């Protein structure tokens, strides 16, 4: 009787991209705790600032989606202090946090920065709509 070895060992070098991919799979399954852990591991393995920034932004968004707005605010604040022009959407994401926390003046200020500084932003229509809603509510209309 011949023995067949159907098991193969796959060599996997841990990397930020590997863990970010795992985090996104966990996120899609709404397993936010696992997604957070994978993003944190990915950040620790990041080889450059761009990989780190990506991981931090995604982690802050996971906090936001799991209703941990204060944690998301804290992480986005640290990113805004070191913001790279390429990640201008952080202003929009942070405004969303402040909107959920009912800190409308902060949200409005961040939305204005996003709208003024990013003429073709991915979230421009949403930002304009959020701004309009906040301004309407603040006038008591």
C-alpha atoms as a PDB file:
ATOM      1  CA  UNK A   1       0.000   0.000   0.000  1.00  0.00           C
ATOM      2  CA  UNK A   2       1.393   3.326  -1.086  1.00  0.00           C
ATOM      3  CA  UNK A   3       1.032   6.257   1.243  1.00  0.00           C
ATOM      4  CA  UNK A   4       0.078   9.575  -0.231  1.00  0.00           C
ATOM      5  CA  UNK A   5       1.033  12.735   1.569  1.00  0.00           C
ATOM      6  CA  UNK A   6      -1.789  15.162   0.812  1.00  0.00           C
ATOM      7  CA  UNK A   7      -0.611  17.626   3.414  1.00  0.00           C
ATOM      8  CA  UNK A   8       1.594  20.393   2.230  1.00  0.00           C
ATOM      9  CA  UNK A   9       3.409  22.861   4.403  1.00  0.00           C
ATOM     10  CA  UNK A  10       3.048  26.392   3.158  1.00  0.00           C
ATOM     11  CA  UNK A  11       5.738  28.786   4.196  1.00  0.00           C
ATOM     12  CA  UNK A  12       4.288  32.104   5.277  1.00  0.00           C
ATOM     13  CA  UNK A  13       6.415  35.051   6.236  1.00  0.00           C
ATOM     14  CA  UNK A  14       4.421  37.311   8.556  1.00  0.00           C
ATOM     15  CA  UNK A  15       3.896  40.742   7.072  1.00  0.00           C
ATOM     16  CA  UNK A  16       1.650  43.747   7.521  1.00  0.00           C
ATOM     17  CA  UNK A  17      -0.178  42.940   4.291  1.00  0.00           C
ATOM     18  CA  UNK A  18      -0.874  39.378   5.427  1.00  0.00           C
ATOM     19  CA  UNK A  19      -2.417  40.564   8.688  1.00  0.00           C
ATOM     20  CA  UNK A  20      -4.286  43.411   7.011  1.00  0.00           C
ATOM     21  CA  UNK A  21      -5.839  40.854   4.678  1.00  0.00           C
ATOM     22  CA  UNK A  22      -6.837  38.685   7.627  1.00  0.00           C
ATOM     23  CA  UNK A  23      -8.271  41.754   9.356  1.00  0.00           C
ATOM     24  CA  UNK A  24     -10.424  42.593   6.351  1.00  0.00           C
ATOM     25  CA  UNK A  25     -11.761  39.029   6.231  1.00  0.00           C
ATOM     26  CA  UNK A  26     -12.635  39.244   9.931  1.00  0.00           C
ATOM     27  CA  UNK A  27     -14.251  42.646   9.375  1.00  0.00           C
ATOM     28  CA  UNK A  28     -16.393  41.272   6.538  1.00  0.00           C
ATOM     29  CA  UNK A  29     -17.571  38.583   8.957  1.00  0.00           C
ATOM     30  CA  UNK A  30     -18.298  41.360  11.526  1.00  0.00           C
ATOM     31  CA  UNK A  31     -15.717  39.859  13.872  1.00  0.00           C
ATOM     32  CA  UNK A  32     -14.451  43.268  14.973  1.00  0.00           C
ATOM     33  CA  UNK A  33     -12.307  41.984  17.844  1.00  0.00           C
ATOM     34  CA  UNK A  34     -10.348  39.699  15.551  1.00  0.00           C
ATOM     35  CA  UNK A  35     -10.102  42.476  12.949  1.00  0.00           C
ATOM     36  CA  UNK A  36      -8.673  44.865  15.560  1.00  0.00           C
ATOM     37  CA  UNK A  37      -6.122  42.288  16.694  1.00  0.00           C
ATOM     38  CA  UNK A  38      -5.010  41.565  13.132  1.00  0.00           C
ATOM     39  CA  UNK A  39      -4.649  45.272  12.324  1.00  0.00           C
ATOM     40  CA  UNK A  40      -2.591  45.796  15.477  1.00  0.00           C
ATOM     41  CA  UNK A  41      -0.323  42.898  14.527  1.00  0.00           C
ATOM     42  CA  UNK A  42      -0.048  44.220  10.977  1.00  0.00           C
ATOM     43  CA  UNK A  43       0.926  47.663  12.252  1.00  0.00           C
ATOM     44  CA  UNK A  44       3.668  46.115  14.366  1.00  0.00           C
ATOM     45  CA  UNK A  45       5.028  44.357  11.254  1.00  0.00           C
ATOM     46  CA  UNK A  46       4.760  47.356   8.914  1.00  0.00           C
ATOM     47  CA  UNK A  47       7.946  48.032   6.977  1.00  0.00           C
ATOM     48  CA  UNK A  48       7.337  51.721   6.257  1.00  0.00           C
ATOM     49  CA  UNK A  49       5.232  54.721   7.264  1.00  0.00           C
ATOM     50  CA  UNK A  50       2.708  54.182   4.492  1.00  0.00           C
ATOM     51  CA  UNK A  51       1.956  50.633   5.693  1.00  0.00           C
ATOM     52  CA  UNK A  52       1.694  51.892   9.283  1.00  0.00           C
ATOM     53  CA  UNK A  53      -0.585  54.784   8.304  1.00  0.00           C
ATOM     54  CA  UNK A  54      -2.863  52.436   6.370  1.00  0.00           C
ATOM     55  CA  UNK A  55      -3.131  50.089   9.354  1.00  0.00           C
ATOM     56  CA  UNK A  56      -3.826  52.920  11.793  1.00  0.00           C
ATOM     57  CA  UNK A  57      -6.558  54.363   9.572  1.00  0.00           C
ATOM     58  CA  UNK A  58      -8.207  50.972   9.171  1.00  0.00           C
ATOM     59  CA  UNK A  59      -7.980  50.285  12.911  1.00  0.00           C
ATOM     60  CA  UNK A  60      -9.588  53.652  13.683  1.00  0.00           C
ATOM     61  CA  UNK A  61     -12.380  52.817  11.233  1.00  0.00           C
ATOM     62  CA  UNK A  62     -12.913  49.440  12.925  1.00  0.00           C
ATOM     63  CA  UNK A  63     -13.253  51.274  16.243  1.00  0.00           C
ATOM     64  CA  UNK A  64     -15.773  53.592  14.602  1.00  0.00           C
ATOM     65  CA  UNK A  65     -17.794  50.712  13.135  1.00  0.00           C
ATOM     66  CA  UNK A  66     -17.848  48.942  16.496  1.00  0.00           C
ATOM     67  CA  UNK A  67     -19.184  52.116  18.163  1.00  0.00           C
ATOM     68  CA  UNK A  68     -15.955  52.807  20.062  1.00  0.00           C
ATOM     69  CA  UNK A  69     -15.975  56.432  18.974  1.00  0.00           C
ATOM     70  CA  UNK A  70     -13.643  57.701  21.694  1.00  0.00           C
ATOM     71  CA  UNK A  71     -10.928  55.220  20.690  1.00  0.00           C
ATOM     72  CA  UNK A  72     -11.435  56.129  17.056  1.00  0.00           C
ATOM     73  CA  UNK A  73     -11.212  59.852  17.877  1.00  0.00           C
ATOM     74  CA  UNK A  74      -7.987  59.319  19.816  1.00  0.00           C
ATOM     75  CA  UNK A  75      -6.348  57.370  17.018  1.00  0.00           C
ATOM     76  CA  UNK A  76      -7.521  59.751  14.289  1.00  0.00           C
ATOM     77  CA  UNK A  77      -6.286  62.730  16.349  1.00  0.00           C
ATOM     78  CA  UNK A  78      -2.804  61.223  16.430  1.00  0.00           C
ATOM     79  CA  UNK A  79      -3.010  60.642  12.668  1.00  0.00           C
ATOM     80  CA  UNK A  80      -4.196  64.186  11.989  1.00  0.00           C
ATOM     81  CA  UNK A  81      -1.145  65.512  13.808  1.00  0.00           C
ATOM     82  CA  UNK A  82       1.053  63.498  11.434  1.00  0.00           C
ATOM     83  CA  UNK A  83      -1.250  63.644   8.424  1.00  0.00           C
ATOM     84  CA  UNK A  84       0.175  62.874   5.042  1.00  0.00           C
ATOM     85  CA  UNK A  85      -1.650  64.705   2.238  1.00  0.00           C
ATOM     86  CA  UNK A  86      -2.515  61.370   0.656  1.00  0.00           C
ATOM     87  CA  UNK A  87      -4.813  60.510   3.587  1.00  0.00           C
ATOM     88  CA  UNK A  88      -6.978  63.597   3.566  1.00  0.00           C
ATOM     89  CA  UNK A  89     -10.064  61.418   4.150  1.00  0.00           C
ATOM     90  CA  UNK A  90      -9.072  61.207   7.825  1.00  0.00           C
ATOM     91  CA  UNK A  91     -10.751  64.609   8.272  1.00  0.00           C
ATOM     92  CA  UNK A  92     -14.020  63.136   7.023  1.00  0.00           C
ATOM     93  CA  UNK A  93     -13.699  60.010   9.163  1.00  0.00           C
ATOM     94  CA  UNK A  94     -12.972  62.079  12.269  1.00  0.00           C
ATOM     95  CA  UNK A  95     -15.928  64.364  11.519  1.00  0.00           C
ATOM     96  CA  UNK A  96     -18.119  61.262  11.435  1.00  0.00           C
ATOM     97  CA  UNK A  97     -16.895  60.315  14.921  1.00  0.00           C
ATOM     98  CA  UNK A  98     -17.681  63.753  16.290  1.00  0.00           C
ATOM     99  CA  UNK A  99     -21.105  63.671  14.672  1.00  0.00           C
ATOM    100  CA  UNK A 100     -21.874  60.417  16.525  1.00  0.00           C
ATOM    101  CA  UNK A 101     -20.566  61.964  19.739  1.00  0.00           C
ATOM    102  CA  UNK A 102     -22.849  64.988  19.134  1.00  0.00           C
ATOM    103  CA  UNK A 103     -19.890  67.377  19.037  1.00  0.00           C
ATOM    104  CA  UNK A 104     -21.245  69.251  16.058  1.00  0.00           C
ATOM    105  CA  UNK A 105     -18.857  72.205  16.027  1.00  0.00           C
ATOM    106  CA  UNK A 106     -15.839  69.894  15.844  1.00  0.00           C
ATOM    107  CA  UNK A 107     -17.527  67.809  13.150  1.00  0.00           C
ATOM    108  CA  UNK A 108     -18.349  70.913  11.126  1.00  0.00           C
ATOM    109  CA  UNK A 109     -14.803  72.246  11.370  1.00  0.00           C
ATOM    110  CA  UNK A 110     -13.338  68.936  10.159  1.00  0.00           C
ATOM    111  CA  UNK A 111     -15.861  68.676   7.337  1.00  0.00           C
ATOM    112  CA  UNK A 112     -14.894  72.147   6.152  1.00  0.00           C
ATOM    113  CA  UNK A 113     -11.202  71.177   6.165  1.00  0.00           C
ATOM    114  CA  UNK A 114     -12.019  68.075   4.184  1.00  0.00           C
ATOM    115  CA  UNK A 115     -14.200  69.873   1.640  1.00  0.00           C
ATOM    116  CA  UNK A 116     -11.799  72.809   1.168  1.00  0.00           C
ATOM    117  CA  UNK A 117      -8.674  70.700   0.881  1.00  0.00           C
ATOM    118  CA  UNK A 118      -9.883  67.850  -1.274  1.00  0.00           C
ATOM    119  CA  UNK A 119     -11.854  68.887  -4.338  1.00  0.00           C
ATOM    120  CA  UNK A 120     -12.273  65.376  -5.719  1.00  0.00           C
ATOM    121  CA  UNK A 121     -12.514  63.430  -2.471  1.00  0.00           C
ATOM    122  CA  UNK A 122     -14.227  60.075  -2.275  1.00  0.00           C
ATOM    123  CA  UNK A 123     -16.622  61.353   0.380  1.00  0.00           C
ATOM    124  CA  UNK A 124     -17.268  64.856  -0.930  1.00  0.00           C
ATOM    125  CA  UNK A 125     -21.022  64.382  -1.463  1.00  0.00           C
ATOM    126  CA  UNK A 126     -21.423  62.785   1.959  1.00  0.00           C
ATOM    127  CA  UNK A 127     -19.381  65.573   3.545  1.00  0.00           C
ATOM    128  CA  UNK A 128     -21.516  68.270   1.915  1.00  0.00           C
ATOM    129  CA  UNK A 129     -24.682  66.513   3.063  1.00  0.00           C
ATOM    130  CA  UNK A 130     -23.373  66.102   6.632  1.00  0.00           C
ATOM    131  CA  UNK A 131     -22.357  69.765   6.697  1.00  0.00           C
ATOM    132  CA  UNK A 132     -25.809  70.826   5.507  1.00  0.00           C
ATOM    133  CA  UNK A 133     -27.526  68.689   8.162  1.00  0.00           C
ATOM    134  CA  UNK A 134     -25.346  70.069  10.960  1.00  0.00           C
ATOM    135  CA  UNK A 135     -25.846  73.668   9.842  1.00  0.00           C
ATOM    136  CA  UNK A 136     -29.618  73.171   9.572  1.00  0.00           C
ATOM    137  CA  UNK A 137     -29.822  71.580  13.018  1.00  0.00           C
ATOM    138  CA  UNK A 138     -27.657  74.260  14.605  1.00  0.00           C
ATOM    139  CA  UNK A 139     -30.028  76.948  13.309  1.00  0.00           C
ATOM    140  CA  UNK A 140     -32.908  75.113  14.967  1.00  0.00           C
ATOM    141  CA  UNK A 141     -34.752  74.670  11.681  1.00  0.00           C
END
